[in-house]
Protein backbone atom coordinates (compact mmCIF):
# COMPACT_ATOMS: atom_id res chain seq x y z
CA MET A 1 0.00 0.00 0.00
CA SER A 2 1.15 3.52 -0.72
CA SER A 3 2.01 5.97 2.04
CA PHE A 4 -1.34 7.74 1.86
CA THR A 5 -1.59 11.11 3.54
CA LEU A 6 -4.87 13.00 3.53
CA ARG A 7 -4.24 16.34 1.84
CA ALA A 8 -7.73 17.79 1.33
CA THR A 9 -11.46 16.96 1.44
CA SER A 10 -14.11 17.86 -1.11
CA ALA A 11 -17.85 17.29 -1.60
CA ASP A 12 -17.32 16.77 -5.36
CA PRO A 13 -16.35 13.18 -6.31
CA ALA A 14 -15.19 14.39 -9.75
CA ALA A 15 -12.52 16.50 -8.01
CA ILE A 16 -10.45 13.29 -8.03
CA ALA A 17 -8.63 12.79 -11.34
CA ASP A 18 -10.26 10.17 -13.61
CA VAL A 19 -13.42 9.88 -11.48
CA THR A 20 -16.58 10.80 -13.35
CA TYR A 21 -19.76 11.94 -11.64
CA LYS A 22 -23.01 12.40 -13.53
CA LYS A 23 -26.33 13.51 -12.07
CA LEU A 24 -29.08 11.24 -13.38
CA GLY A 25 -32.49 12.56 -14.35
CA ARG A 26 -35.65 10.86 -13.22
CA HIS A 27 -38.37 10.85 -15.90
CA ALA A 28 -41.74 10.43 -14.19
CA ASP A 29 -45.32 10.20 -15.37
CA ALA A 30 -48.57 8.63 -14.15
CA ARG A 31 -47.15 5.12 -14.69
CA GLY A 32 -44.07 5.64 -12.48
CA TRP A 33 -40.54 6.70 -13.35
CA LEU A 34 -37.47 5.78 -15.41
CA VAL A 35 -33.80 6.60 -14.85
CA GLU A 36 -31.29 6.02 -17.64
CA ILE A 37 -28.22 4.65 -15.83
CA TYR A 38 -25.87 3.72 -18.68
CA ARG A 39 -25.27 4.81 -22.28
CA GLU A 40 -22.48 3.31 -24.36
CA ASP A 41 -21.95 6.64 -26.14
CA GLU A 42 -21.27 8.48 -22.86
CA LEU A 43 -18.55 6.19 -21.46
CA ASP A 44 -15.02 5.49 -22.70
CA GLY A 45 -14.83 2.08 -24.41
CA ASP A 46 -12.32 0.73 -21.87
CA LEU A 47 -14.87 1.38 -19.13
CA HIS A 48 -17.88 -0.37 -20.67
CA PRO A 49 -19.46 -2.83 -18.23
CA VAL A 50 -18.81 -6.53 -18.77
CA MET A 51 -21.21 -7.61 -16.03
CA ALA A 52 -23.82 -5.95 -13.81
CA TYR A 53 -25.36 -6.47 -10.42
CA VAL A 54 -27.54 -4.74 -7.86
CA SER A 55 -26.70 -4.94 -4.17
CA GLN A 56 -28.97 -4.18 -1.23
CA THR A 57 -27.38 -2.59 1.82
CA GLN A 58 -29.15 -2.38 5.16
CA SER A 59 -29.69 0.93 6.95
CA GLY A 60 -26.53 2.20 8.64
CA VAL A 61 -24.30 -0.41 7.01
CA ALA A 62 -21.15 0.46 5.06
CA ARG A 63 -19.49 -1.44 2.22
CA GLY A 64 -15.75 -0.88 1.89
CA PRO A 65 -13.40 0.80 1.97
CA HIS A 66 -11.61 -1.18 -0.70
CA GLU A 67 -9.87 -0.57 -4.03
CA HIS A 68 -9.09 -2.41 -7.24
CA VAL A 69 -5.81 -2.91 -9.11
CA ASP A 70 -7.31 -3.15 -12.62
CA GLN A 71 -11.10 -2.79 -12.35
CA THR A 72 -13.13 0.38 -12.77
CA ASP A 73 -16.50 0.39 -11.01
CA TYR A 74 -19.50 2.07 -12.61
CA PHE A 75 -21.94 2.72 -9.75
CA ALA A 76 -25.44 4.10 -10.15
CA PHE A 77 -27.19 5.32 -7.02
CA ILE A 78 -30.87 5.83 -7.92
CA GLY A 79 -32.80 4.60 -4.88
CA PRO A 80 -34.33 3.27 -2.92
CA GLY A 81 -32.20 4.85 -0.24
CA ASP A 82 -29.47 7.43 0.03
CA PHE A 83 -25.77 6.66 0.45
CA GLU A 84 -22.77 8.58 1.66
CA LEU A 85 -20.14 7.89 -1.02
CA LEU A 86 -16.54 8.23 0.16
CA LEU A 87 -13.50 8.26 -2.13
CA TRP A 88 -9.77 8.53 -1.39
CA ASP A 89 -7.22 9.00 -4.18
CA ALA A 90 -4.44 6.58 -3.17
CA ARG A 91 -2.61 6.68 -6.53
CA GLU A 92 0.84 8.11 -5.78
CA GLY A 93 1.34 9.46 -9.34
CA SER A 94 -2.08 11.11 -9.49
CA PRO A 95 -2.35 14.91 -9.48
CA THR A 96 -5.06 14.53 -6.84
CA PHE A 97 -3.21 12.01 -4.63
CA GLY A 98 -4.39 12.44 -1.03
CA LEU A 99 -7.75 13.98 -1.90
CA HIS A 100 -10.78 12.59 -0.04
CA THR A 101 -14.37 13.23 -1.16
CA ARG A 102 -17.73 12.70 0.53
CA THR A 103 -21.11 13.16 -1.11
CA ILE A 104 -24.68 11.89 -0.81
CA CYS A 105 -26.08 9.93 -3.77
CA GLY A 106 -29.28 7.96 -4.22
CA ALA A 107 -33.00 8.65 -4.15
CA SER A 108 -32.51 12.32 -3.24
CA ASN A 109 -29.59 12.81 -5.63
CA PRO A 110 -29.53 10.15 -8.38
CA ALA A 111 -26.02 9.84 -9.80
CA ALA A 112 -23.63 7.59 -11.73
CA VAL A 113 -19.97 7.48 -10.70
CA THR A 114 -16.96 5.78 -12.31
CA ILE A 115 -14.20 4.89 -9.88
CA PRO A 116 -10.85 3.93 -11.43
CA PRO A 117 -8.26 1.51 -10.07
CA GLY A 118 -6.34 2.83 -7.07
CA VAL A 119 -9.15 5.07 -5.84
CA VAL A 120 -10.29 3.64 -2.51
CA HIS A 121 -14.06 3.72 -2.17
CA ALA A 122 -16.82 3.00 0.31
CA TYR A 123 -20.48 3.78 0.70
CA ARG A 124 -22.82 3.79 3.68
CA ASN A 125 -26.59 3.61 3.63
CA THR A 126 -27.82 6.75 5.40
CA SER A 127 -31.52 5.93 4.98
CA ASP A 128 -33.98 4.44 7.46
CA GLY A 129 -34.50 1.35 5.30
CA PRO A 130 -32.59 -0.83 2.84
CA GLY A 131 -30.97 0.85 -0.17
CA TRP A 132 -29.95 -0.41 -3.61
CA VAL A 133 -26.79 0.23 -5.63
CA PHE A 134 -26.18 -0.80 -9.25
CA ASN A 135 -22.65 -1.66 -10.36
CA GLY A 136 -21.47 -2.34 -13.92
CA PRO A 137 -17.71 -2.98 -13.56
CA ASN A 138 -15.45 -3.26 -16.60
CA ARG A 139 -13.96 -6.56 -15.37
CA LEU A 140 -15.59 -9.87 -14.51
CA TYR A 141 -15.72 -10.74 -10.81
CA ALA A 142 -13.01 -13.41 -10.34
CA GLY A 143 -12.39 -13.46 -14.11
CA PRO A 144 -13.90 -15.77 -16.75
CA GLY A 145 -15.61 -18.74 -15.15
CA LYS A 146 -14.82 -17.24 -11.71
CA LYS A 147 -11.40 -18.93 -11.79
CA GLU A 148 -9.09 -15.99 -11.08
CA LYS A 149 -8.10 -14.06 -7.97
CA VAL A 150 -10.62 -11.35 -7.08
CA ASP A 151 -9.31 -7.85 -7.92
CA GLU A 152 -9.90 -6.26 -4.54
CA ILE A 153 -7.72 -4.78 -1.82
CA ARG A 154 -9.83 -4.62 1.33
CA HIS A 155 -9.15 -1.93 3.94
CA GLU A 156 -12.25 -2.23 6.13
CA CYS A 157 -10.77 -4.78 8.53
CA ASP A 158 -7.38 -3.06 8.88
CA ALA A 159 -7.37 -1.10 12.15
CA LYS A 160 -4.34 0.90 10.96
CA SER A 161 -5.84 1.84 7.60
CA PRO A 162 -5.89 5.58 6.80
CA PHE A 163 -9.19 4.97 4.97
CA ARG A 164 -11.75 5.34 7.76
CA ILE A 165 -15.49 5.92 7.76
CA ALA A 166 -16.49 8.12 10.70
CA GLY A 167 -18.92 6.38 13.04
CA VAL A 168 -18.41 2.91 11.55
CA VAL A 169 -17.36 0.07 13.80
CA GLY A 170 -16.74 -3.07 11.77
CA LEU A 171 -19.37 -3.23 9.06
CA ARG A 172 -22.14 -1.30 10.84
CA ALA A 173 -22.34 2.35 11.78
CA SER A 174 -22.21 2.97 15.50
CA ALA A 175 -25.22 4.44 17.29
């Protein structure tokens, strides 16, 4: 792991080099609503998803912090639920090395975010009930046929990690 030193904090995830942040519009009518979460023509070809999944996170629970060596995550936070998204630029050669961002995404602020390799990331459900997150990463989980090592460096269980989520003890936020 690099010798990460927090240099600054921002509310704008796109302040970190190579991270993209896009507000998503909700198109509603009498039938319900629709949110367009991915368009091939709006994402660099190297970042196109090769798989997709939706995860449900319980109220107060955090996922991460972790990072990838090769994988870029393409998260869409559209609801239900709101999430505090936390990013740390741990790439020593990056012009934004040491920058930490925090923002709220989800039902109240639908957004899509690309997170490149080396950017440590975590999110915590800040809602009263379960929340959903879509991810369309550009690499297969555990490679073709799930026969390769998982591309993930986990920091959440390291008590000495500089990547901390305030108020989180283990995997659940403290009361």
